[in-house]
Amino acid sequence: MRIGPGLRRGGCGITTANCMAVDVGCVGVRLMKPSAFLHRTRAIPRPERFVVAAVRPSEREMALRVVESSDDFCAVLSGGGEVTVVMPQEQWQRASALFLDPAVETDFRVITLSADLPMDSVGYVSVVTGALAETGVQAAVLSAYSFEHLLVRERDLARSLDVLHRAGAVAATGSSATEEHPI
């Protein structure tokens, strides 16, 4: 088995500086280096401000009903004796009375990362969060099947988008990835 830098442009469309070639007998596989992932990424900032709230485990079903009734980006994370709700602040203001003593953090923005990567890609999230951390931006990551969603403080949104752009990502306006332009 030989592992080394790729010697030509691969089928992935990434130059050899961004790929590693793995030769296993007669089967060749090209693995993207994690730093190349961002060149395949669209960064889509959502316009709403979001809340992250911890509610009681006994309120999990209520949190699921609240999120289920929404057409906007929302999430309920449940496990380890904790239930966390992520939703637009406007919706939370209407729903918060349903919960007893929630712990609430406000003024988050969501940046959706759209990259056509296989589920077993290794290192993508660490490249993104590492680049942000180097500039002092803390980001929480919610991973979905086809997307990664970054929760950043609203005050860090412009800096986050700038960091992603300098790393090679492309911005998409609004909440869909149909219209792309450089950040």
N, C-alpha and C. Protein backbone atom coordinates (compact mmCIF):
# COMPACT_ATOMS: atom_id res chain seq x y z
N MET A 1 0.84 -1.18 0.00
CA MET A 1 0.00 0.00 0.00
C MET A 1 0.89 1.24 0.00
N ARG A 2 0.61 2.19 -0.91
CA ARG A 2 1.38 3.42 -1.01
C ARG A 2 0.47 4.60 -0.75
N ILE A 3 0.88 5.53 0.10
CA ILE A 3 0.12 6.75 0.35
C ILE A 3 1.05 7.91 0.08
N GLY A 4 0.59 8.85 -0.71
CA GLY A 4 1.42 10.01 -1.01
C GLY A 4 0.63 11.06 -1.74
N PRO A 5 1.24 12.20 -2.03
CA PRO A 5 0.53 13.26 -2.75
C PRO A 5 0.07 12.77 -4.12
N GLY A 6 -1.11 13.20 -4.54
CA GLY A 6 -1.61 12.86 -5.87
C GLY A 6 -0.73 13.49 -6.92
N LEU A 7 -0.64 12.86 -8.08
CA LEU A 7 0.26 13.33 -9.12
C LEU A 7 -0.45 14.03 -10.28
N ARG A 8 -1.77 14.00 -10.30
CA ARG A 8 -2.50 14.66 -11.38
C ARG A 8 -3.85 15.11 -10.86
N ARG A 9 -4.55 15.88 -11.66
CA ARG A 9 -5.89 16.34 -11.30
C ARG A 9 -6.80 15.14 -11.18
N GLY A 10 -7.48 15.04 -10.05
CA GLY A 10 -8.31 13.87 -9.78
C GLY A 10 -9.73 14.04 -10.29
N GLY A 11 -10.48 12.95 -10.26
CA GLY A 11 -11.88 12.96 -10.67
C GLY A 11 -12.73 13.86 -9.80
N CYS A 12 -12.25 14.18 -8.59
CA CYS A 12 -13.01 15.05 -7.69
C CYS A 12 -12.91 16.51 -8.12
N GLY A 13 -12.10 16.82 -9.13
CA GLY A 13 -11.96 18.18 -9.61
C GLY A 13 -11.07 19.03 -8.72
N ILE A 14 -10.38 18.43 -7.79
CA ILE A 14 -9.50 19.14 -6.88
C ILE A 14 -8.06 18.92 -7.34
N THR A 15 -7.25 19.95 -7.31
CA THR A 15 -5.87 19.80 -7.75
C THR A 15 -5.09 18.89 -6.80
N THR A 16 -3.94 18.43 -7.26
CA THR A 16 -3.16 17.47 -6.48
C THR A 16 -2.74 18.00 -5.12
N ALA A 17 -2.62 19.30 -4.97
CA ALA A 17 -2.25 19.85 -3.67
C ALA A 17 -3.34 19.61 -2.64
N ASN A 18 -4.56 19.36 -3.11
CA ASN A 18 -5.68 19.17 -2.22
C ASN A 18 -6.11 17.72 -2.06
N CYS A 19 -5.39 16.79 -2.67
CA CYS A 19 -5.77 15.39 -2.61
C CYS A 19 -4.61 14.53 -2.15
N MET A 20 -4.95 13.36 -1.67
CA MET A 20 -3.95 12.34 -1.37
C MET A 20 -4.35 11.12 -2.19
N ALA A 21 -3.39 10.46 -2.78
CA ALA A 21 -3.68 9.24 -3.53
C ALA A 21 -3.39 8.05 -2.65
N VAL A 22 -4.26 7.09 -2.66
CA VAL A 22 -4.07 5.86 -1.91
C VAL A 22 -4.14 4.73 -2.92
N ASP A 23 -3.06 3.96 -3.05
CA ASP A 23 -3.00 2.86 -4.00
C ASP A 23 -3.04 1.55 -3.24
N VAL A 24 -4.12 0.81 -3.41
CA VAL A 24 -4.27 -0.49 -2.75
C VAL A 24 -4.35 -1.53 -3.87
N GLY A 25 -3.19 -2.09 -4.24
CA GLY A 25 -3.17 -3.04 -5.34
C GLY A 25 -3.61 -2.37 -6.63
N CYS A 26 -4.67 -2.90 -7.23
CA CYS A 26 -5.15 -2.33 -8.50
C CYS A 26 -6.26 -1.31 -8.28
N VAL A 27 -6.60 -1.00 -7.03
CA VAL A 27 -7.67 -0.04 -6.75
C VAL A 27 -7.06 1.26 -6.27
N GLY A 28 -7.36 2.37 -6.94
CA GLY A 28 -6.89 3.67 -6.51
C GLY A 28 -8.05 4.48 -5.96
N VAL A 29 -7.83 5.17 -4.86
CA VAL A 29 -8.86 5.98 -4.23
C VAL A 29 -8.26 7.35 -3.97
N ARG A 30 -9.02 8.41 -4.22
CA ARG A 30 -8.55 9.76 -3.93
C ARG A 30 -9.33 10.29 -2.74
N LEU A 31 -8.60 10.70 -1.73
CA LEU A 31 -9.19 11.26 -0.53
C LEU A 31 -8.89 12.75 -0.49
N MET A 32 -9.91 13.57 -0.29
CA MET A 32 -9.66 15.01 -0.19
C MET A 32 -9.03 15.34 1.14
N LYS A 33 -8.06 16.22 1.12
CA LYS A 33 -7.53 16.76 2.36
C LYS A 33 -8.62 17.63 2.98
N PRO A 34 -8.73 17.66 4.30
CA PRO A 34 -9.78 18.47 4.92
C PRO A 34 -9.77 19.93 4.50
N SER A 35 -8.59 20.51 4.25
CA SER A 35 -8.53 21.92 3.86
C SER A 35 -9.19 22.17 2.51
N ALA A 36 -9.33 21.16 1.68
CA ALA A 36 -9.98 21.32 0.37
C ALA A 36 -11.49 21.35 0.48
N PHE A 37 -12.03 20.90 1.60
CA PHE A 37 -13.48 20.84 1.75
C PHE A 37 -14.14 22.20 1.59
N LEU A 38 -13.51 23.24 2.12
CA LEU A 38 -14.15 24.55 2.09
C LEU A 38 -14.32 25.09 0.69
N HIS A 39 -13.51 24.65 -0.25
CA HIS A 39 -13.65 25.10 -1.63
C HIS A 39 -14.90 24.52 -2.28
N ARG A 40 -15.50 23.55 -1.64
CA ARG A 40 -16.75 22.93 -2.12
C ARG A 40 -17.94 23.36 -1.28
N THR A 41 -17.77 24.38 -0.45
CA THR A 41 -18.78 24.77 0.53
C THR A 41 -19.46 26.07 0.16
N ARG A 42 -20.78 26.09 0.32
CA ARG A 42 -21.56 27.33 0.25
C ARG A 42 -21.95 27.68 1.68
N ALA A 43 -21.68 28.90 2.09
CA ALA A 43 -22.04 29.38 3.43
C ALA A 43 -23.31 30.21 3.29
N ILE A 44 -24.38 29.75 3.93
CA ILE A 44 -25.69 30.36 3.77
C ILE A 44 -26.13 30.95 5.11
N PRO A 45 -25.98 32.27 5.30
CA PRO A 45 -26.42 32.87 6.57
C PRO A 45 -27.94 33.02 6.59
N ARG A 46 -28.56 32.59 7.65
CA ARG A 46 -30.01 32.77 7.80
C ARG A 46 -30.25 34.17 8.34
N PRO A 47 -31.33 34.83 7.91
CA PRO A 47 -31.57 36.22 8.32
C PRO A 47 -32.06 36.38 9.76
N GLU A 48 -32.66 35.35 10.35
CA GLU A 48 -33.24 35.47 11.68
C GLU A 48 -32.19 35.38 12.78
N ARG A 49 -32.53 35.95 13.94
CA ARG A 49 -31.74 35.71 15.15
C ARG A 49 -32.35 34.50 15.84
N PHE A 50 -31.49 33.70 16.46
CA PHE A 50 -31.94 32.45 17.07
C PHE A 50 -31.69 32.43 18.57
N VAL A 51 -32.44 31.57 19.23
CA VAL A 51 -32.29 31.33 20.66
C VAL A 51 -31.87 29.88 20.85
N VAL A 52 -31.05 29.66 21.86
CA VAL A 52 -30.70 28.31 22.30
C VAL A 52 -31.22 28.22 23.73
N ALA A 53 -32.15 27.29 23.97
CA ALA A 53 -32.77 27.19 25.28
C ALA A 53 -32.70 25.76 25.80
N ALA A 54 -32.38 25.62 27.06
CA ALA A 54 -32.40 24.31 27.73
C ALA A 54 -33.71 24.24 28.51
N VAL A 55 -34.49 23.20 28.23
CA VAL A 55 -35.76 23.00 28.94
C VAL A 55 -35.68 21.70 29.73
N ARG A 56 -36.61 21.52 30.61
CA ARG A 56 -36.62 20.32 31.45
C ARG A 56 -36.87 19.07 30.60
N PRO A 57 -36.25 17.95 30.95
CA PRO A 57 -36.50 16.71 30.22
C PRO A 57 -37.98 16.35 30.17
N SER A 58 -38.73 16.68 31.20
CA SER A 58 -40.17 16.40 31.21
C SER A 58 -40.93 17.26 30.19
N GLU A 59 -40.28 18.29 29.64
CA GLU A 59 -40.91 19.17 28.65
C GLU A 59 -40.50 18.83 27.21
N ARG A 60 -39.87 17.70 27.05
CA ARG A 60 -39.38 17.28 25.72
C ARG A 60 -40.50 17.19 24.69
N GLU A 61 -41.60 16.57 25.04
CA GLU A 61 -42.72 16.43 24.09
C GLU A 61 -43.27 17.79 23.68
N MET A 62 -43.36 18.72 24.62
CA MET A 62 -43.82 20.07 24.30
C MET A 62 -42.84 20.74 23.34
N ALA A 63 -41.55 20.59 23.59
CA ALA A 63 -40.54 21.18 22.70
C ALA A 63 -40.68 20.61 21.29
N LEU A 64 -40.90 19.31 21.19
CA LEU A 64 -41.07 18.68 19.87
C LEU A 64 -42.31 19.21 19.17
N ARG A 65 -43.41 19.41 19.90
CA ARG A 65 -44.64 19.94 19.28
C ARG A 65 -44.42 21.37 18.79
N VAL A 66 -43.72 22.18 19.60
CA VAL A 66 -43.46 23.57 19.21
C VAL A 66 -42.63 23.61 17.93
N VAL A 67 -41.59 22.82 17.87
CA VAL A 67 -40.71 22.80 16.70
C VAL A 67 -41.44 22.21 15.49
N GLU A 68 -42.23 21.18 15.72
CA GLU A 68 -42.97 20.54 14.62
C GLU A 68 -43.94 21.51 13.96
N SER A 69 -44.47 22.47 14.69
CA SER A 69 -45.44 23.42 14.14
C SER A 69 -44.77 24.56 13.38
N SER A 70 -43.45 24.57 13.31
CA SER A 70 -42.72 25.65 12.66
C SER A 70 -42.26 25.26 11.26
N ASP A 71 -42.28 26.23 10.36
CA ASP A 71 -41.73 26.03 9.02
C ASP A 71 -40.29 26.53 8.93
N ASP A 72 -39.79 27.17 9.99
CA ASP A 72 -38.46 27.74 10.00
C ASP A 72 -37.43 26.71 10.49
N PHE A 73 -36.16 27.09 10.41
CA PHE A 73 -35.09 26.26 10.94
C PHE A 73 -35.26 26.15 12.45
N CYS A 74 -35.39 24.93 12.94
CA CYS A 74 -35.51 24.65 14.37
C CYS A 74 -34.87 23.31 14.65
N ALA A 75 -34.49 23.10 15.90
CA ALA A 75 -33.94 21.80 16.29
C ALA A 75 -34.27 21.54 17.75
N VAL A 76 -34.48 20.26 18.05
CA VAL A 76 -34.58 19.80 19.43
C VAL A 76 -33.53 18.71 19.58
N LEU A 77 -32.65 18.89 20.55
CA LEU A 77 -31.62 17.90 20.84
C LEU A 77 -31.93 17.34 22.22
N SER A 78 -32.00 16.03 22.31
CA SER A 78 -32.38 15.41 23.56
C SER A 78 -31.42 14.28 23.88
N GLY A 79 -30.91 14.28 25.09
CA GLY A 79 -30.02 13.21 25.52
C GLY A 79 -29.25 13.60 26.74
N GLY A 80 -28.83 12.63 27.49
CA GLY A 80 -28.03 12.88 28.67
C GLY A 80 -28.76 13.68 29.74
N GLY A 81 -30.08 13.56 29.79
CA GLY A 81 -30.84 14.30 30.80
C GLY A 81 -31.03 15.77 30.47
N GLU A 82 -30.82 16.13 29.21
CA GLU A 82 -30.93 17.53 28.80
C GLU A 82 -31.75 17.62 27.51
N VAL A 83 -32.55 18.66 27.39
CA VAL A 83 -33.29 18.94 26.16
C VAL A 83 -32.96 20.37 25.76
N THR A 84 -32.44 20.52 24.55
CA THR A 84 -32.07 21.84 24.03
C THR A 84 -32.93 22.16 22.83
N VAL A 85 -33.42 23.40 22.78
CA VAL A 85 -34.25 23.87 21.67
C VAL A 85 -33.50 25.00 20.97
N VAL A 86 -33.43 24.93 19.65
CA VAL A 86 -32.87 26.01 18.83
C VAL A 86 -33.98 26.46 17.89
N MET A 87 -34.33 27.74 17.95
CA MET A 87 -35.39 28.26 17.09
C MET A 87 -35.27 29.78 16.96
N PRO A 88 -35.94 30.36 15.96
CA PRO A 88 -35.90 31.81 15.83
C PRO A 88 -36.41 32.48 17.11
N GLN A 89 -35.78 33.58 17.49
CA GLN A 89 -36.16 34.28 18.72
C GLN A 89 -37.61 34.71 18.72
N GLU A 90 -38.11 35.14 17.57
CA GLU A 90 -39.51 35.56 17.48
C GLU A 90 -40.45 34.43 17.89
N GLN A 91 -40.18 33.24 17.41
CA GLN A 91 -41.01 32.09 17.76
C GLN A 91 -40.84 31.73 19.23
N TRP A 92 -39.62 31.81 19.73
CA TRP A 92 -39.39 31.48 21.14
C TRP A 92 -40.19 32.42 22.05
N GLN A 93 -40.27 33.69 21.69
CA GLN A 93 -41.02 34.64 22.51
C GLN A 93 -42.47 34.19 22.66
N ARG A 94 -43.03 33.61 21.62
CA ARG A 94 -44.41 33.12 21.69
C ARG A 94 -44.50 31.80 22.46
N ALA A 95 -43.47 30.96 22.36
CA ALA A 95 -43.51 29.61 22.93
C ALA A 95 -42.95 29.53 24.35
N SER A 96 -42.17 30.49 24.76
CA SER A 96 -41.43 30.38 26.03
C SER A 96 -42.34 30.20 27.24
N ALA A 97 -43.54 30.72 27.21
CA ALA A 97 -44.45 30.59 28.34
C ALA A 97 -44.87 29.14 28.59
N LEU A 98 -44.64 28.26 27.62
CA LEU A 98 -44.99 26.85 27.77
C LEU A 98 -43.99 26.08 28.62
N PHE A 99 -42.86 26.69 28.94
CA PHE A 99 -41.77 26.00 29.63
C PHE A 99 -41.49 26.66 30.99
N LEU A 100 -41.17 25.82 31.98
CA LEU A 100 -40.87 26.30 33.33
C LEU A 100 -39.37 26.56 33.46
N ASP A 101 -39.00 27.76 33.76
CA ASP A 101 -37.61 28.13 34.05
C ASP A 101 -36.57 27.65 33.03
N PRO A 102 -36.76 27.95 31.75
CA PRO A 102 -35.74 27.52 30.80
C PRO A 102 -34.47 28.38 30.94
N ALA A 103 -33.33 27.77 30.65
CA ALA A 103 -32.07 28.52 30.54
C ALA A 103 -31.98 28.98 29.08
N VAL A 104 -31.82 30.27 28.86
CA VAL A 104 -31.94 30.82 27.51
C VAL A 104 -30.72 31.67 27.15
N GLU A 105 -30.19 31.44 25.96
CA GLU A 105 -29.15 32.28 25.37
C GLU A 105 -29.72 32.83 24.06
N THR A 106 -29.59 34.13 23.84
CA THR A 106 -30.17 34.77 22.66
C THR A 106 -29.09 35.31 21.73
N ASP A 107 -29.56 35.85 20.63
CA ASP A 107 -28.73 36.55 19.65
C ASP A 107 -27.69 35.67 18.96
N PHE A 108 -28.15 34.51 18.52
CA PHE A 108 -27.33 33.64 17.68
C PHE A 108 -27.78 33.80 16.24
N ARG A 109 -26.87 33.54 15.34
CA ARG A 109 -27.20 33.44 13.92
C ARG A 109 -26.79 32.06 13.44
N VAL A 110 -27.49 31.57 12.44
CA VAL A 110 -27.19 30.26 11.87
C VAL A 110 -26.57 30.46 10.50
N ILE A 111 -25.45 29.80 10.28
CA ILE A 111 -24.82 29.74 8.96
C ILE A 111 -24.89 28.28 8.54
N THR A 112 -25.64 28.02 7.47
CA THR A 112 -25.74 26.66 6.96
C THR A 112 -24.61 26.44 5.97
N LEU A 113 -23.87 25.35 6.15
CA LEU A 113 -22.79 24.99 5.25
C LEU A 113 -23.28 23.87 4.33
N SER A 114 -23.29 24.16 3.06
CA SER A 114 -23.71 23.19 2.06
C SER A 114 -22.50 22.77 1.25
N ALA A 115 -22.14 21.51 1.37
CA ALA A 115 -21.00 20.97 0.63
C ALA A 115 -21.36 19.54 0.22
N ASP A 116 -21.14 19.23 -1.01
CA ASP A 116 -21.47 17.90 -1.51
C ASP A 116 -20.37 16.93 -1.09
N LEU A 117 -20.47 16.48 0.16
CA LEU A 117 -19.46 15.59 0.73
C LEU A 117 -20.11 14.30 1.19
N PRO A 118 -19.41 13.19 1.09
CA PRO A 118 -19.96 11.95 1.61
C PRO A 118 -20.03 11.99 3.14
N MET A 119 -20.96 11.21 3.70
CA MET A 119 -21.14 11.19 5.15
C MET A 119 -19.88 10.77 5.89
N ASP A 120 -19.01 10.00 5.27
CA ASP A 120 -17.82 9.53 5.97
C ASP A 120 -16.61 10.43 5.75
N SER A 121 -16.85 11.66 5.29
CA SER A 121 -15.74 12.62 5.16
C SER A 121 -15.16 12.91 6.54
N VAL A 122 -13.86 12.93 6.64
CA VAL A 122 -13.19 13.13 7.92
C VAL A 122 -12.52 14.50 7.94
N GLY A 123 -12.75 15.27 8.97
CA GLY A 123 -12.01 16.51 9.18
C GLY A 123 -12.72 17.79 8.76
N TYR A 124 -13.86 17.70 8.10
CA TYR A 124 -14.54 18.89 7.61
C TYR A 124 -14.90 19.85 8.74
N VAL A 125 -15.58 19.35 9.75
CA VAL A 125 -16.01 20.21 10.84
C VAL A 125 -14.81 20.80 11.58
N SER A 126 -13.75 20.01 11.75
CA SER A 126 -12.58 20.54 12.47
C SER A 126 -11.89 21.64 11.67
N VAL A 127 -11.89 21.55 10.34
CA VAL A 127 -11.31 22.62 9.53
C VAL A 127 -12.12 23.91 9.70
N VAL A 128 -13.44 23.78 9.65
CA VAL A 128 -14.32 24.95 9.77
C VAL A 128 -14.18 25.57 11.16
N THR A 129 -14.37 24.77 12.20
CA THR A 129 -14.33 25.32 13.56
C THR A 129 -12.93 25.79 13.93
N GLY A 130 -11.90 25.12 13.41
CA GLY A 130 -10.53 25.55 13.67
C GLY A 130 -10.24 26.92 13.07
N ALA A 131 -10.69 27.14 11.84
CA ALA A 131 -10.49 28.44 11.19
C ALA A 131 -11.21 29.54 11.97
N LEU A 132 -12.42 29.25 12.43
CA LEU A 132 -13.17 30.24 13.21
C LEU A 132 -12.50 30.48 14.57
N ALA A 133 -12.06 29.42 15.22
CA ALA A 133 -11.43 29.55 16.54
C ALA A 133 -10.16 30.38 16.48
N GLU A 134 -9.42 30.26 15.39
CA GLU A 134 -8.18 31.05 15.25
C GLU A 134 -8.44 32.55 15.28
N THR A 135 -9.66 32.96 14.97
CA THR A 135 -10.01 34.38 14.99
C THR A 135 -10.87 34.73 16.21
N GLY A 136 -11.01 33.80 17.14
CA GLY A 136 -11.75 34.07 18.36
C GLY A 136 -13.25 33.86 18.26
N VAL A 137 -13.72 33.21 17.21
CA VAL A 137 -15.16 32.96 17.05
C VAL A 137 -15.48 31.57 17.58
N GLN A 138 -16.42 31.51 18.53
CA GLN A 138 -16.91 30.23 19.04
C GLN A 138 -18.11 29.85 18.19
N ALA A 139 -18.14 28.62 17.72
CA ALA A 139 -19.25 28.14 16.91
C ALA A 139 -19.72 26.80 17.44
N ALA A 140 -21.03 26.67 17.60
CA ALA A 140 -21.62 25.38 17.93
C ALA A 140 -22.07 24.77 16.60
N VAL A 141 -21.91 23.48 16.46
CA VAL A 141 -22.22 22.81 15.20
C VAL A 141 -23.40 21.85 15.39
N LEU A 142 -24.39 21.99 14.53
CA LEU A 142 -25.48 21.03 14.44
C LEU A 142 -25.33 20.34 13.09
N SER A 143 -25.10 19.05 13.11
CA SER A 143 -24.90 18.31 11.87
C SER A 143 -26.18 17.62 11.45
N ALA A 144 -26.53 17.77 10.18
CA ALA A 144 -27.68 17.09 9.60
C ALA A 144 -27.16 16.16 8.50
N TYR A 145 -28.05 15.49 7.82
CA TYR A 145 -27.62 14.54 6.80
C TYR A 145 -26.83 15.22 5.69
N SER A 146 -27.36 16.33 5.16
CA SER A 146 -26.73 16.98 4.02
C SER A 146 -26.05 18.30 4.35
N PHE A 147 -26.21 18.80 5.55
CA PHE A 147 -25.71 20.13 5.89
C PHE A 147 -25.09 20.13 7.28
N GLU A 148 -24.21 21.09 7.49
CA GLU A 148 -23.73 21.43 8.83
C GLU A 148 -24.30 22.82 9.10
N HIS A 149 -24.75 23.05 10.32
CA HIS A 149 -25.29 24.35 10.70
C HIS A 149 -24.42 24.90 11.83
N LEU A 150 -23.89 26.09 11.62
CA LEU A 150 -23.07 26.74 12.64
C LEU A 150 -23.92 27.75 13.40
N LEU A 151 -23.87 27.70 14.71
CA LEU A 151 -24.50 28.71 15.55
C LEU A 151 -23.38 29.63 16.03
N VAL A 152 -23.44 30.89 15.61
CA VAL A 152 -22.45 31.88 16.04
C VAL A 152 -23.21 33.06 16.63
N ARG A 153 -22.56 33.76 17.52
CA ARG A 153 -23.18 34.98 18.07
C ARG A 153 -23.36 35.98 16.94
N GLU A 154 -24.44 36.74 17.02
CA GLU A 154 -24.73 37.72 15.98
C GLU A 154 -23.55 38.68 15.79
N ARG A 155 -22.90 39.06 16.87
CA ARG A 155 -21.76 39.98 16.78
C ARG A 155 -20.60 39.39 15.99
N ASP A 156 -20.57 38.05 15.85
CA ASP A 156 -19.49 37.37 15.14
C ASP A 156 -19.86 36.94 13.72
N LEU A 157 -21.07 37.28 13.27
CA LEU A 157 -21.52 36.80 11.96
C LEU A 157 -20.63 37.29 10.82
N ALA A 158 -20.38 38.59 10.73
CA ALA A 158 -19.58 39.13 9.62
C ALA A 158 -18.17 38.54 9.64
N ARG A 159 -17.57 38.45 10.83
CA ARG A 159 -16.22 37.88 10.94
C ARG A 159 -16.23 36.41 10.52
N SER A 160 -17.27 35.68 10.92
CA SER A 160 -17.37 34.26 10.55
C SER A 160 -17.45 34.08 9.04
N LEU A 161 -18.28 34.88 8.40
CA LEU A 161 -18.42 34.79 6.94
C LEU A 161 -17.12 35.18 6.25
N ASP A 162 -16.42 36.18 6.79
CA ASP A 162 -15.14 36.59 6.23
C ASP A 162 -14.11 35.46 6.34
N VAL A 163 -14.05 34.81 7.49
CA VAL A 163 -13.12 33.70 7.70
C VAL A 163 -13.43 32.57 6.73
N LEU A 164 -14.70 32.23 6.59
CA LEU A 164 -15.09 31.15 5.67
C LEU A 164 -14.74 31.51 4.23
N HIS A 165 -14.95 32.77 3.86
CA HIS A 165 -14.61 33.21 2.51
C HIS A 165 -13.10 33.11 2.26
N ARG A 166 -12.31 33.60 3.22
CA ARG A 166 -10.86 33.54 3.05
C ARG A 166 -10.37 32.10 2.98
N ALA A 167 -11.11 31.20 3.58
CA ALA A 167 -10.74 29.77 3.54
C ALA A 167 -11.23 29.11 2.25
N GLY A 168 -12.04 29.82 1.44
CA GLY A 168 -12.46 29.28 0.15
C GLY A 168 -13.93 29.07 -0.03
N ALA A 169 -14.75 29.27 1.00
CA ALA A 169 -16.19 29.06 0.86
C ALA A 169 -16.82 30.17 0.03
N VAL A 170 -17.96 29.87 -0.53
CA VAL A 170 -18.74 30.82 -1.32
C VAL A 170 -20.02 31.11 -0.56
N ALA A 171 -20.50 32.35 -0.60
CA ALA A 171 -21.74 32.70 0.10
C ALA A 171 -22.92 32.46 -0.82
N ALA A 172 -24.02 32.07 -0.24
CA ALA A 172 -25.29 31.98 -0.94
C ALA A 172 -26.25 32.87 -0.16
N THR A 173 -27.03 33.68 -0.86
CA THR A 173 -27.91 34.62 -0.18
C THR A 173 -29.16 33.91 0.32
N GLY A 174 -29.78 34.52 1.32
CA GLY A 174 -31.04 34.01 1.85
C GLY A 174 -30.90 32.65 2.51
N SER A 175 -32.00 31.91 2.53
CA SER A 175 -32.01 30.61 3.20
C SER A 175 -31.93 29.45 2.22
N SER A 176 -31.61 29.74 0.96
CA SER A 176 -31.41 28.65 0.02
C SER A 176 -30.07 28.84 -0.67
N ALA A 177 -29.60 27.81 -1.29
CA ALA A 177 -28.28 27.85 -1.90
C ALA A 177 -28.36 28.02 -3.41
N THR A 178 -29.45 28.60 -3.90
CA THR A 178 -29.61 28.67 -5.36
C THR A 178 -28.85 29.83 -5.97
N GLU A 179 -28.65 30.92 -5.25
CA GLU A 179 -27.94 32.07 -5.80
C GLU A 179 -26.60 32.23 -5.07
N GLU A 180 -25.52 32.02 -5.79
CA GLU A 180 -24.20 32.08 -5.17
C GLU A 180 -23.45 33.33 -5.61
N HIS A 181 -22.63 33.84 -4.74
CA HIS A 181 -21.71 34.93 -5.08
C HIS A 181 -20.59 34.91 -4.07
N PRO A 182 -19.43 35.47 -4.41
CA PRO A 182 -18.35 35.53 -3.41
C PRO A 182 -18.81 36.33 -2.20
N ILE A 183 -18.34 35.94 -1.02
CA ILE A 183 -18.71 36.63 0.21
C ILE A 183 -18.12 38.02 0.20
